[in-house]
C-alpha atoms as a PDB file:
ATOM      1  CA  MET A   1       0.000   0.000   0.000  1.00  0.00           C
ATOM      2  CA  GLU A   2       1.243   3.460  -0.885  1.00  0.00           C
ATOM      3  CA  LYS A   3       2.156   5.901   1.886  1.00  0.00           C
ATOM      4  CA  VAL A   4       1.860   9.678   1.488  1.00  0.00           C
ATOM      5  CA  PHE A   5       3.466  12.216   3.827  1.00  0.00           C
ATOM      6  CA  VAL A   6       1.578  15.516   4.031  1.00  0.00           C
ATOM      7  CA  ASP A   7       3.342  18.600   5.361  1.00  0.00           C
ATOM      8  CA  THR A   8       1.949  21.820   6.805  1.00  0.00           C
ATOM      9  CA  SER A   9       1.389  23.592   3.497  1.00  0.00           C
ATOM     10  CA  GLY A  10      -0.730  20.708   2.220  1.00  0.00           C
ATOM     11  CA  TRP A  11      -2.894  20.645   5.328  1.00  0.00           C
ATOM     12  CA  VAL A  12      -3.350  24.417   5.386  1.00  0.00           C
ATOM     13  CA  ALA A  13      -4.301  24.497   1.705  1.00  0.00           C
ATOM     14  CA  PHE A  14      -6.827  21.729   2.338  1.00  0.00           C
ATOM     15  CA  PHE A  15      -8.465  23.290   5.404  1.00  0.00           C
ATOM     16  CA  VAL A  16      -8.374  27.008   4.501  1.00  0.00           C
ATOM     17  CA  GLU A  17     -10.900  27.668   1.747  1.00  0.00           C
ATOM     18  CA  ASN A  18      -9.413  31.026   0.739  1.00  0.00           C
ATOM     19  CA  ASP A  19      -5.903  29.568   0.372  1.00  0.00           C
ATOM     20  CA  ARG A  20      -4.753  29.943  -3.244  1.00  0.00           C
ATOM     21  CA  ASN A  21      -4.043  26.202  -3.437  1.00  0.00           C
ATOM     22  CA  HIS A  22      -7.248  25.008  -1.751  1.00  0.00           C
ATOM     23  CA  LYS A  23      -8.945  23.580  -4.848  1.00  0.00           C
ATOM     24  CA  LYS A  24      -5.769  21.800  -5.908  1.00  0.00           C
ATOM     25  CA  ALA A  25      -5.298  20.375  -2.393  1.00  0.00           C
ATOM     26  CA  VAL A  26      -8.874  19.076  -2.316  1.00  0.00           C
ATOM     27  CA  CYS A  27      -8.313  17.310  -5.656  1.00  0.00           C
ATOM     28  CA  ILE A  28      -5.054  15.790  -4.439  1.00  0.00           C
ATOM     29  CA  PHE A  29      -6.653  14.532  -1.226  1.00  0.00           C
ATOM     30  CA  GLU A  30      -9.516  13.033  -3.230  1.00  0.00           C
ATOM     31  CA  ASP A  31      -6.950  11.210  -5.373  1.00  0.00           C
ATOM     32  CA  ILE A  32      -5.161   9.948  -2.261  1.00  0.00           C
ATOM     33  CA  LYS A  33      -8.437   8.745  -0.772  1.00  0.00           C
ATOM     34  CA  SER A  34      -9.490   6.941  -3.950  1.00  0.00           C
ATOM     35  CA  SER A  35      -6.090   5.256  -4.208  1.00  0.00           C
ATOM     36  CA  ARG A  36      -6.501   4.000  -0.615  1.00  0.00           C
ATOM     37  CA  ALA A  37      -3.035   5.263   0.280  1.00  0.00           C
ATOM     38  CA  SER A  38      -2.152   5.806   3.928  1.00  0.00           C
ATOM     39  CA  ILE A  39      -1.617   9.424   4.939  1.00  0.00           C
ATOM     40  CA  TYR A  40       1.189  10.236   7.362  1.00  0.00           C
ATOM     41  CA  THR A  41       2.332  13.482   8.936  1.00  0.00           C
ATOM     42  CA  SER A  42       4.298  14.588  11.986  1.00  0.00           C
ATOM     43  CA  ASP A  43       3.404  16.168  15.300  1.00  0.00           C
ATOM     44  CA  TYR A  44       5.314  19.245  14.144  1.00  0.00           C
ATOM     45  CA  CYS A  45       3.214  19.533  10.986  1.00  0.00           C
ATOM     46  CA  ILE A  46       0.008  19.198  12.989  1.00  0.00           C
ATOM     47  CA  ASP A  47       1.169  21.886  15.415  1.00  0.00           C
ATOM     48  CA  GLU A  48       2.197  24.234  12.589  1.00  0.00           C
ATOM     49  CA  THR A  49      -1.065  23.583  10.746  1.00  0.00           C
ATOM     50  CA  ILE A  50      -3.250  24.396  13.738  1.00  0.00           C
ATOM     51  CA  THR A  51      -1.213  27.523  14.525  1.00  0.00           C
ATOM     52  CA  THR A  52      -1.302  28.744  10.913  1.00  0.00           C
ATOM     53  CA  ILE A  53      -5.032  28.138  10.610  1.00  0.00           C
ATOM     54  CA  LEU A  54      -5.584  29.924  13.930  1.00  0.00           C
ATOM     55  CA  SER A  55      -3.883  33.023  12.532  1.00  0.00           C
ATOM     56  CA  ARG A  56      -5.635  32.849   9.151  1.00  0.00           C
ATOM     57  CA  GLY A  57      -9.067  31.435   9.881  1.00  0.00           C
ATOM     58  CA  GLY A  58      -9.682  31.810  13.580  1.00  0.00           C
ATOM     59  CA  HIS A  59     -10.150  29.605  16.596  1.00  0.00           C
ATOM     60  CA  LYS A  60     -13.161  27.587  15.442  1.00  0.00           C
ATOM     61  CA  GLN A  61     -11.537  26.604  12.154  1.00  0.00           C
ATOM     62  CA  SER A  62      -8.264  25.642  13.878  1.00  0.00           C
ATOM     63  CA  VAL A  63     -10.153  23.440  16.363  1.00  0.00           C
ATOM     64  CA  LEU A  64     -11.971  21.677  13.514  1.00  0.00           C
ATOM     65  CA  ALA A  65      -8.658  21.060  11.730  1.00  0.00           C
ATOM     66  CA  GLY A  66      -7.067  19.768  14.934  1.00  0.00           C
ATOM     67  CA  GLU A  67      -9.924  17.357  15.483  1.00  0.00           C
ATOM     68  CA  ALA A  68      -9.716  16.128  11.898  1.00  0.00           C
ATOM     69  CA  LEU A  69      -5.956  15.623  12.177  1.00  0.00           C
ATOM     70  CA  SER A  70      -6.113  13.764  15.478  1.00  0.00           C
ATOM     71  CA  GLY A  71      -6.621  10.444  13.676  1.00  0.00           C
ATOM     72  CA  ILE A  72      -3.725  10.813  11.238  1.00  0.00           C
ATOM     73  CA  LYS A  73      -0.760   8.487  11.673  1.00  0.00           C
ATOM     74  CA  ASN A  74       2.394  10.196  12.885  1.00  0.00           C
ATOM     75  CA  ARG A  75       5.899   9.240  11.912  1.00  0.00           C
END
């Protein structure tokens, strides 16, 4: 099974709708999901993602992203 590592910029683009790469990130994540690949990230990427989203989108959006990322496998 394929493994895909997603860094902070990928997560932010996926979660922040007004990010210039949002549509592209959504398409990429759909491709990953359909290929049944495993998604991996790091604690550092999760921390950076939540912090970046907090500054760009606010508290509620950062909490939603944090909850969504809580089930991702960490390396």
